[in-house]
Amino acid sequence: MNLNIFNQSDFLVALRDFFAALQVPINMVTDKPISVRNILENSYQDKESFRLMDEVYFLGMVDDGAFRGCEGLDLAAVQGLEED
């Protein structure tokens, strides 16, 4: 597997290519960066390790629906999930 794609391409493009090479389907959620506080709203702590992250990219979910060809959830629906 060529992991140099992460040095040669835009991060999101490389990430999509990586999962495609693994033949792992993804239910896309968003291409846009999300603040750490927003994505980790229930577990965010004002500690140095959390402050080191500027943005989080939540490309999508690898779930049962992705393997069945079902549509993905939008970001608000994903953030509302209570279980894995």
PDB file of N, CA and C in Angstrom:
ATOM      1  N   MET A   1       0.843  -1.176   0.000  1.00  0.00           N
ATOM      2  CA  MET A   1       0.000   0.000   0.000  1.00  0.00           C
ATOM      3  C   MET A   1       0.887   1.237   0.000  1.00  0.00           C
ATOM      4  N   ASN A   2       0.553   2.175  -0.837  1.00  0.00           N
ATOM      5  CA  ASN A   2       1.326   3.404  -0.969  1.00  0.00           C
ATOM      6  C   ASN A   2       0.805   4.463  -0.002  1.00  0.00           C
ATOM      7  N   LEU A   3       1.493   4.657   1.105  1.00  0.00           N
ATOM      8  CA  LEU A   3       1.098   5.671   2.071  1.00  0.00           C
ATOM      9  C   LEU A   3       1.668   7.040   1.739  1.00  0.00           C
ATOM     10  N   ASN A   4       2.475   7.106   0.675  1.00  0.00           N
ATOM     11  CA  ASN A   4       2.999   8.403   0.238  1.00  0.00           C
ATOM     12  C   ASN A   4       1.899   9.320  -0.267  1.00  0.00           C
ATOM     13  N   ILE A   5       0.714   8.776  -0.525  1.00  0.00           N
ATOM     14  CA  ILE A   5      -0.400   9.624  -0.963  1.00  0.00           C
ATOM     15  C   ILE A   5      -0.681  10.721   0.048  1.00  0.00           C
ATOM     16  N   PHE A   6      -0.374  10.479   1.322  1.00  0.00           N
ATOM     17  CA  PHE A   6      -0.614  11.490   2.349  1.00  0.00           C
ATOM     18  C   PHE A   6       0.393  12.636   2.269  1.00  0.00           C
ATOM     19  N   ASN A   7       1.541  12.404   1.635  1.00  0.00           N
ATOM     20  CA  ASN A   7       2.528  13.463   1.411  1.00  0.00           C
ATOM     21  C   ASN A   7       2.326  14.148   0.064  1.00  0.00           C
ATOM     22  N   GLN A   8       1.650  13.471  -0.847  1.00  0.00           N
ATOM     23  CA  GLN A   8       1.552  13.964  -2.216  1.00  0.00           C
ATOM     24  C   GLN A   8       0.212  14.603  -2.553  1.00  0.00           C
ATOM     25  N   SER A   9      -0.802  14.360  -1.741  1.00  0.00           N
ATOM     26  CA  SER A   9      -2.151  14.839  -2.049  1.00  0.00           C
ATOM     27  C   SER A   9      -2.716  15.630  -0.882  1.00  0.00           C
ATOM     28  N   ASP A  10      -3.797  16.326  -1.161  1.00  0.00           N
ATOM     29  CA  ASP A  10      -4.569  16.966  -0.119  1.00  0.00           C
ATOM     30  C   ASP A  10      -5.019  15.884   0.867  1.00  0.00           C
ATOM     31  N   PHE A  11      -5.068  16.205   2.136  1.00  0.00           N
ATOM     32  CA  PHE A  11      -5.372  15.220   3.170  1.00  0.00           C
ATOM     33  C   PHE A  11      -6.684  14.481   2.908  1.00  0.00           C
ATOM     34  N   LEU A  12      -7.738  15.199   2.598  1.00  0.00           N
ATOM     35  CA  LEU A  12      -9.033  14.546   2.403  1.00  0.00           C
ATOM     36  C   LEU A  12      -9.039  13.645   1.174  1.00  0.00           C
ATOM     37  N   VAL A  13      -8.393  14.078   0.115  1.00  0.00           N
ATOM     38  CA  VAL A  13      -8.282  13.242  -1.088  1.00  0.00           C
ATOM     39  C   VAL A  13      -7.491  11.977  -0.758  1.00  0.00           C
ATOM     40  N   ALA A  14      -6.390  12.136  -0.056  1.00  0.00           N
ATOM     41  CA  ALA A  14      -5.563  10.983   0.321  1.00  0.00           C
ATOM     42  C   ALA A  14      -6.332  10.031   1.231  1.00  0.00           C
ATOM     43  N   LEU A  15      -7.124  10.581   2.137  1.00  0.00           N
ATOM     44  CA  LEU A  15      -7.897   9.744   3.038  1.00  0.00           C
ATOM     45  C   LEU A  15      -8.952   8.936   2.282  1.00  0.00           C
ATOM     46  N   ARG A  16      -9.634   9.572   1.342  1.00  0.00           N
ATOM     47  CA  ARG A  16     -10.604   8.847   0.515  1.00  0.00           C
ATOM     48  C   ARG A  16      -9.912   7.750  -0.298  1.00  0.00           C
ATOM     49  N   ASP A  17      -8.766   8.088  -0.887  1.00  0.00           N
ATOM     50  CA  ASP A  17      -8.008   7.109  -1.671  1.00  0.00           C
ATOM     51  C   ASP A  17      -7.535   5.940  -0.803  1.00  0.00           C
ATOM     52  N   PHE A  18      -7.132   6.249   0.415  1.00  0.00           N
ATOM     53  CA  PHE A  18      -6.672   5.221   1.351  1.00  0.00           C
ATOM     54  C   PHE A  18      -7.781   4.205   1.625  1.00  0.00           C
ATOM     55  N   PHE A  19      -8.974   4.695   1.976  1.00  0.00           N
ATOM     56  CA  PHE A  19     -10.087   3.789   2.243  1.00  0.00           C
ATOM     57  C   PHE A  19     -10.518   3.044   0.986  1.00  0.00           C
ATOM     58  N   ALA A  20     -10.466   3.686  -0.158  1.00  0.00           N
ATOM     59  CA  ALA A  20     -10.808   3.011  -1.418  1.00  0.00           C
ATOM     60  C   ALA A  20      -9.821   1.879  -1.700  1.00  0.00           C
ATOM     61  N   ALA A  21      -8.528   2.114  -1.454  1.00  0.00           N
ATOM     62  CA  ALA A  21      -7.524   1.075  -1.673  1.00  0.00           C
ATOM     63  C   ALA A  21      -7.752  -0.111  -0.739  1.00  0.00           C
ATOM     64  N   LEU A  22      -8.255   0.155   0.444  1.00  0.00           N
ATOM     65  CA  LEU A  22      -8.568  -0.913   1.391  1.00  0.00           C
ATOM     66  C   LEU A  22      -9.914  -1.567   1.083  1.00  0.00           C
ATOM     67  N   GLN A  23     -10.647  -1.000   0.137  1.00  0.00           N
ATOM     68  CA  GLN A  23     -11.992  -1.446  -0.228  1.00  0.00           C
ATOM     69  C   GLN A  23     -12.940  -1.392   0.969  1.00  0.00           C
ATOM     70  N   VAL A  24     -12.807  -0.312   1.730  1.00  0.00           N
ATOM     71  CA  VAL A  24     -13.670  -0.067   2.882  1.00  0.00           C
ATOM     72  C   VAL A  24     -14.596   1.092   2.533  1.00  0.00           C
ATOM     73  N   PRO A  25     -15.913   0.844   2.488  1.00  0.00           N
ATOM     74  CA  PRO A  25     -16.840   1.919   2.162  1.00  0.00           C
ATOM     75  C   PRO A  25     -16.998   2.888   3.330  1.00  0.00           C
ATOM     76  N   ILE A  26     -17.253   4.143   2.998  1.00  0.00           N
ATOM     77  CA  ILE A  26     -17.433   5.183   4.009  1.00  0.00           C
ATOM     78  C   ILE A  26     -18.757   5.878   3.744  1.00  0.00           C
ATOM     79  N   ASN A  27     -19.550   6.047   4.788  1.00  0.00           N
ATOM     80  CA  ASN A  27     -20.706   6.923   4.699  1.00  0.00           C
ATOM     81  C   ASN A  27     -20.209   8.329   4.979  1.00  0.00           C
ATOM     82  N   MET A  28     -20.137   9.131   3.926  1.00  0.00           N
ATOM     83  CA  MET A  28     -19.591  10.473   4.038  1.00  0.00           C
ATOM     84  C   MET A  28     -20.446  11.331   4.964  1.00  0.00           C
ATOM     85  N   VAL A  29     -19.790  12.157   5.759  1.00  0.00           N
ATOM     86  CA  VAL A  29     -20.487  13.090   6.645  1.00  0.00           C
ATOM     87  C   VAL A  29     -20.167  14.512   6.218  1.00  0.00           C
ATOM     88  N   THR A  30     -18.888  14.873   6.209  1.00  0.00           N
ATOM     89  CA  THR A  30     -18.529  16.235   5.814  1.00  0.00           C
ATOM     90  C   THR A  30     -17.064  16.302   5.424  1.00  0.00           C
ATOM     91  N   ASP A  31     -16.752  17.228   4.528  1.00  0.00           N
ATOM     92  CA  ASP A  31     -15.365  17.505   4.140  1.00  0.00           C
ATOM     93  C   ASP A  31     -14.800  18.678   4.928  1.00  0.00           C
ATOM     94  N   LYS A  32     -15.652  19.356   5.641  1.00  0.00           N
ATOM     95  CA  LYS A  32     -15.244  20.595   6.311  1.00  0.00           C
ATOM     96  C   LYS A  32     -14.637  20.308   7.677  1.00  0.00           C
ATOM     97  N   PRO A  33     -13.654  21.115   8.075  1.00  0.00           N
ATOM     98  CA  PRO A  33     -13.082  20.941   9.407  1.00  0.00           C
ATOM     99  C   PRO A  33     -14.097  21.352  10.472  1.00  0.00           C
ATOM    100  N   ILE A  34     -13.998  20.719  11.619  1.00  0.00           N
ATOM    101  CA  ILE A  34     -14.901  20.975  12.732  1.00  0.00           C
ATOM    102  C   ILE A  34     -14.035  21.316  13.936  1.00  0.00           C
ATOM    103  N   SER A  35     -14.487  22.251  14.737  1.00  0.00           N
ATOM    104  CA  SER A  35     -13.697  22.585  15.918  1.00  0.00           C
ATOM    105  C   SER A  35     -13.693  21.405  16.879  1.00  0.00           C
ATOM    106  N   VAL A  36     -12.632  21.298  17.635  1.00  0.00           N
ATOM    107  CA  VAL A  36     -12.482  20.203  18.581  1.00  0.00           C
ATOM    108  C   VAL A  36     -13.606  20.237  19.613  1.00  0.00           C
ATOM    109  N   ARG A  37     -13.950  21.423  20.069  1.00  0.00           N
ATOM    110  CA  ARG A  37     -15.035  21.544  21.061  1.00  0.00           C
ATOM    111  C   ARG A  37     -16.359  21.022  20.517  1.00  0.00           C
ATOM    112  N   ASN A  38     -16.630  21.281  19.231  1.00  0.00           N
ATOM    113  CA  ASN A  38     -17.899  20.840  18.651  1.00  0.00           C
ATOM    114  C   ASN A  38     -17.955  19.330  18.470  1.00  0.00           C
ATOM    115  N   ILE A  39     -16.889  18.735  17.996  1.00  0.00           N
ATOM    116  CA  ILE A  39     -16.927  17.295  17.724  1.00  0.00           C
ATOM    117  C   ILE A  39     -16.808  16.482  19.018  1.00  0.00           C
ATOM    118  N   LEU A  40     -16.132  17.024  20.007  1.00  0.00           N
ATOM    119  CA  LEU A  40     -15.958  16.325  21.285  1.00  0.00           C
ATOM    120  C   LEU A  40     -16.758  17.008  22.394  1.00  0.00           C
ATOM    121  N   GLU A  41     -17.939  17.502  22.046  1.00  0.00           N
ATOM    122  CA  GLU A  41     -18.697  18.331  22.990  1.00  0.00           C
ATOM    123  C   GLU A  41     -18.974  17.649  24.326  1.00  0.00           C
ATOM    124  N   ASN A  42     -19.124  16.344  24.344  1.00  0.00           N
ATOM    125  CA  ASN A  42     -19.417  15.641  25.599  1.00  0.00           C
ATOM    126  C   ASN A  42     -18.169  15.224  26.370  1.00  0.00           C
ATOM    127  N   SER A  43     -17.024  15.262  25.715  1.00  0.00           N
ATOM    128  CA  SER A  43     -15.817  14.784  26.394  1.00  0.00           C
ATOM    129  C   SER A  43     -14.668  15.797  26.382  1.00  0.00           C
ATOM    130  N   TYR A  44     -14.884  16.975  25.784  1.00  0.00           N
ATOM    131  CA  TYR A  44     -13.818  17.978  25.710  1.00  0.00           C
ATOM    132  C   TYR A  44     -13.446  18.454  27.110  1.00  0.00           C
ATOM    133  N   GLN A  45     -12.153  18.576  27.333  1.00  0.00           N
ATOM    134  CA  GLN A  45     -11.638  19.109  28.586  1.00  0.00           C
ATOM    135  C   GLN A  45     -10.632  20.193  28.262  1.00  0.00           C
ATOM    136  N   ASP A  46     -10.613  21.224  29.076  1.00  0.00           N
ATOM    137  CA  ASP A  46      -9.690  22.321  28.836  1.00  0.00           C
ATOM    138  C   ASP A  46      -8.303  21.941  29.357  1.00  0.00           C
ATOM    139  N   LYS A  47      -7.672  21.030  28.598  1.00  0.00           N
ATOM    140  CA  LYS A  47      -6.327  20.550  28.923  1.00  0.00           C
ATOM    141  C   LYS A  47      -5.436  20.770  27.710  1.00  0.00           C
ATOM    142  N   GLU A  48      -4.145  20.765  27.937  1.00  0.00           N
ATOM    143  CA  GLU A  48      -3.196  21.030  26.860  1.00  0.00           C
ATOM    144  C   GLU A  48      -3.371  20.076  25.682  1.00  0.00           C
ATOM    145  N   SER A  49      -3.591  18.802  25.951  1.00  0.00           N
ATOM    146  CA  SER A  49      -3.719  17.832  24.863  1.00  0.00           C
ATOM    147  C   SER A  49      -4.887  18.165  23.940  1.00  0.00           C
ATOM    148  N   PHE A  50      -5.975  18.680  24.471  1.00  0.00           N
ATOM    149  CA  PHE A  50      -7.116  19.072  23.649  1.00  0.00           C
ATOM    150  C   PHE A  50      -6.831  20.387  22.925  1.00  0.00           C
ATOM    151  N   ARG A  51      -6.147  21.302  23.595  1.00  0.00           N
ATOM    152  CA  ARG A  51      -5.842  22.602  22.985  1.00  0.00           C
ATOM    153  C   ARG A  51      -4.848  22.485  21.832  1.00  0.00           C
ATOM    154  N   LEU A  52      -4.081  21.387  21.760  1.00  0.00           N
ATOM    155  CA  LEU A  52      -3.123  21.193  20.681  1.00  0.00           C
ATOM    156  C   LEU A  52      -3.808  20.948  19.334  1.00  0.00           C
ATOM    157  N   MET A  53      -5.059  20.544  19.359  1.00  0.00           N
ATOM    158  CA  MET A  53      -5.800  20.278  18.120  1.00  0.00           C
ATOM    159  C   MET A  53      -6.562  21.533  17.709  1.00  0.00           C
ATOM    160  N   ASP A  54      -6.328  21.978  16.483  1.00  0.00           N
ATOM    161  CA  ASP A  54      -7.047  23.138  15.984  1.00  0.00           C
ATOM    162  C   ASP A  54      -8.375  22.731  15.351  1.00  0.00           C
ATOM    163  N   GLU A  55      -8.316  21.716  14.522  1.00  0.00           N
ATOM    164  CA  GLU A  55      -9.497  21.280  13.801  1.00  0.00           C
ATOM    165  C   GLU A  55      -9.503  19.759  13.713  1.00  0.00           C
ATOM    166  N   VAL A  56     -10.703  19.216  13.577  1.00  0.00           N
ATOM    167  CA  VAL A  56     -10.881  17.778  13.403  1.00  0.00           C
ATOM    168  C   VAL A  56     -11.599  17.579  12.078  1.00  0.00           C
ATOM    169  N   TYR A  57     -11.174  16.600  11.316  1.00  0.00           N
ATOM    170  CA  TYR A  57     -11.848  16.260  10.067  1.00  0.00           C
ATOM    171  C   TYR A  57     -12.598  14.957  10.275  1.00  0.00           C
ATOM    172  N   PHE A  58     -13.910  15.034  10.221  1.00  0.00           N
ATOM    173  CA  PHE A  58     -14.761  13.859  10.383  1.00  0.00           C
ATOM    174  C   PHE A  58     -15.297  13.505   9.009  1.00  0.00           C
ATOM    175  N   LEU A  59     -14.497  12.772   8.268  1.00  0.00           N
ATOM    176  CA  LEU A  59     -14.818  12.435   6.888  1.00  0.00           C
ATOM    177  C   LEU A  59     -16.102  11.635   6.790  1.00  0.00           C
ATOM    178  N   GLY A  60     -16.252  10.630   7.624  1.00  0.00           N
ATOM    179  CA  GLY A  60     -17.438   9.792   7.554  1.00  0.00           C
ATOM    180  C   GLY A  60     -17.363   8.640   8.519  1.00  0.00           C
ATOM    181  N   MET A  61     -18.307   7.731   8.330  1.00  0.00           N
ATOM    182  CA  MET A  61     -18.401   6.590   9.232  1.00  0.00           C
ATOM    183  C   MET A  61     -18.267   5.291   8.448  1.00  0.00           C
ATOM    184  N   VAL A  62     -17.546   4.366   9.025  1.00  0.00           N
ATOM    185  CA  VAL A  62     -17.507   3.003   8.502  1.00  0.00           C
ATOM    186  C   VAL A  62     -18.443   2.215   9.417  1.00  0.00           C
ATOM    187  N   ASP A  63     -19.655   2.017   8.931  1.00  0.00           N
ATOM    188  CA  ASP A  63     -20.663   1.344   9.736  1.00  0.00           C
ATOM    189  C   ASP A  63     -21.403   0.317   8.888  1.00  0.00           C
ATOM    190  N   ASP A  64     -22.345  -0.363   9.476  1.00  0.00           N
ATOM    191  CA  ASP A  64     -23.112  -1.371   8.745  1.00  0.00           C
ATOM    192  C   ASP A  64     -23.772  -0.765   7.514  1.00  0.00           C
ATOM    193  N   GLY A  65     -24.299   0.454   7.655  1.00  0.00           N
ATOM    194  CA  GLY A  65     -24.959   1.108   6.538  1.00  0.00           C
ATOM    195  C   GLY A  65     -24.036   1.335   5.355  1.00  0.00           C
ATOM    196  N   ALA A  66     -22.794   1.657   5.623  1.00  0.00           N
ATOM    197  CA  ALA A  66     -21.827   1.869   4.542  1.00  0.00           C
ATOM    198  C   ALA A  66     -21.631   0.594   3.742  1.00  0.00           C
ATOM    199  N   PHE A  67     -21.584  -0.544   4.416  1.00  0.00           N
ATOM    200  CA  PHE A  67     -21.405  -1.816   3.722  1.00  0.00           C
ATOM    201  C   PHE A  67     -22.674  -2.257   2.986  1.00  0.00           C
ATOM    202  N   ARG A  68     -23.831  -1.757   3.431  1.00  0.00           N
ATOM    203  CA  ARG A  68     -25.093  -2.089   2.766  1.00  0.00           C
ATOM    204  C   ARG A  68     -25.452  -1.089   1.672  1.00  0.00           C
ATOM    205  N   GLY A  69     -24.647  -0.025   1.534  1.00  0.00           N
ATOM    206  CA  GLY A  69     -24.930   0.988   0.523  1.00  0.00           C
ATOM    207  C   GLY A  69     -25.963   2.007   0.943  1.00  0.00           C
ATOM    208  N   CYS A  70     -26.251   2.089   2.234  1.00  0.00           N
ATOM    209  CA  CYS A  70     -27.214   3.069   2.738  1.00  0.00           C
ATOM    210  C   CYS A  70     -26.561   4.448   2.802  1.00  0.00           C
ATOM    211  N   GLU A  71     -27.395   5.469   2.729  1.00  0.00           N
ATOM    212  CA  GLU A  71     -26.873   6.835   2.823  1.00  0.00           C
ATOM    213  C   GLU A  71     -26.353   7.110   4.222  1.00  0.00           C
ATOM    214  N   GLY A  72     -25.403   8.009   4.286  1.00  0.00           N
ATOM    215  CA  GLY A  72     -24.830   8.401   5.559  1.00  0.00           C
ATOM    216  C   GLY A  72     -25.712   9.383   6.302  1.00  0.00           C
ATOM    217  N   LEU A  73     -25.285   9.735   7.489  1.00  0.00           N
ATOM    218  CA  LEU A  73     -25.985  10.694   8.320  1.00  0.00           C
ATOM    219  C   LEU A  73     -25.355  12.062   8.162  1.00  0.00           C
ATOM    220  N   ASP A  74     -26.122  13.104   8.457  1.00  0.00           N
ATOM    221  CA  ASP A  74     -25.500  14.422   8.462  1.00  0.00           C
ATOM    222  C   ASP A  74     -24.801  14.629   9.805  1.00  0.00           C
ATOM    223  N   LEU A  75     -24.000  15.674   9.891  1.00  0.00           N
ATOM    224  CA  LEU A  75     -23.167  15.887  11.076  1.00  0.00           C
ATOM    225  C   LEU A  75     -24.004  16.002  12.341  1.00  0.00           C
ATOM    226  N   ALA A  76     -25.116  16.705  12.291  1.00  0.00           N
ATOM    227  CA  ALA A  76     -25.955  16.877  13.481  1.00  0.00           C
ATOM    228  C   ALA A  76     -26.479  15.525  13.966  1.00  0.00           C
ATOM    229  N   ALA A  77     -26.876  14.663  13.045  1.00  0.00           N
ATOM    230  CA  ALA A  77     -27.380  13.337  13.432  1.00  0.00           C
ATOM    231  C   ALA A  77     -26.270  12.496  14.039  1.00  0.00           C
ATOM    232  N   VAL A  78     -25.071  12.600  13.496  1.00  0.00           N
ATOM    233  CA  VAL A  78     -23.939  11.840  14.038  1.00  0.00           C
ATOM    234  C   VAL A  78     -23.609  12.324  15.444  1.00  0.00           C
ATOM    235  N   GLN A  79     -23.616  13.630  15.648  1.00  0.00           N
ATOM    236  CA  GLN A  79     -23.307  14.164  16.964  1.00  0.00           C
ATOM    237  C   GLN A  79     -24.368  13.768  17.986  1.00  0.00           C
ATOM    238  N   GLY A  80     -25.569  13.449  17.531  1.00  0.00           N
ATOM    239  CA  GLY A  80     -26.634  13.051  18.444  1.00  0.00           C
ATOM    240  C   GLY A  80     -26.637  11.579  18.793  1.00  0.00           C
ATOM    241  N   LEU A  81     -25.761  10.793  18.163  1.00  0.00           N
ATOM    242  CA  LEU A  81     -25.711   9.358  18.452  1.00  0.00           C
ATOM    243  C   LEU A  81     -25.261   9.136  19.903  1.00  0.00           C
ATOM    244  N   GLU A  82     -25.911   8.201  20.559  1.00  0.00           N
ATOM    245  CA  GLU A  82     -25.587   7.901  21.953  1.00  0.00           C
ATOM    246  C   GLU A  82     -24.759   6.632  22.107  1.00  0.00           C
ATOM    247  N   GLU A  83     -24.670   5.818  21.038  1.00  0.00           N
ATOM    248  CA  GLU A  83     -23.909   4.575  21.127  1.00  0.00           C
ATOM    249  C   GLU A  83     -23.154   4.355  19.833  1.00  0.00           C
ATOM    250  N   ASP A  84     -22.165   3.460  19.894  1.00  0.00           N
ATOM    251  CA  ASP A  84     -21.364   3.129  18.714  1.00  0.00           C
ATOM    252  C   ASP A  84     -22.156   2.265  17.772  1.00  0.00           C
TER     253      ASP A  84
END
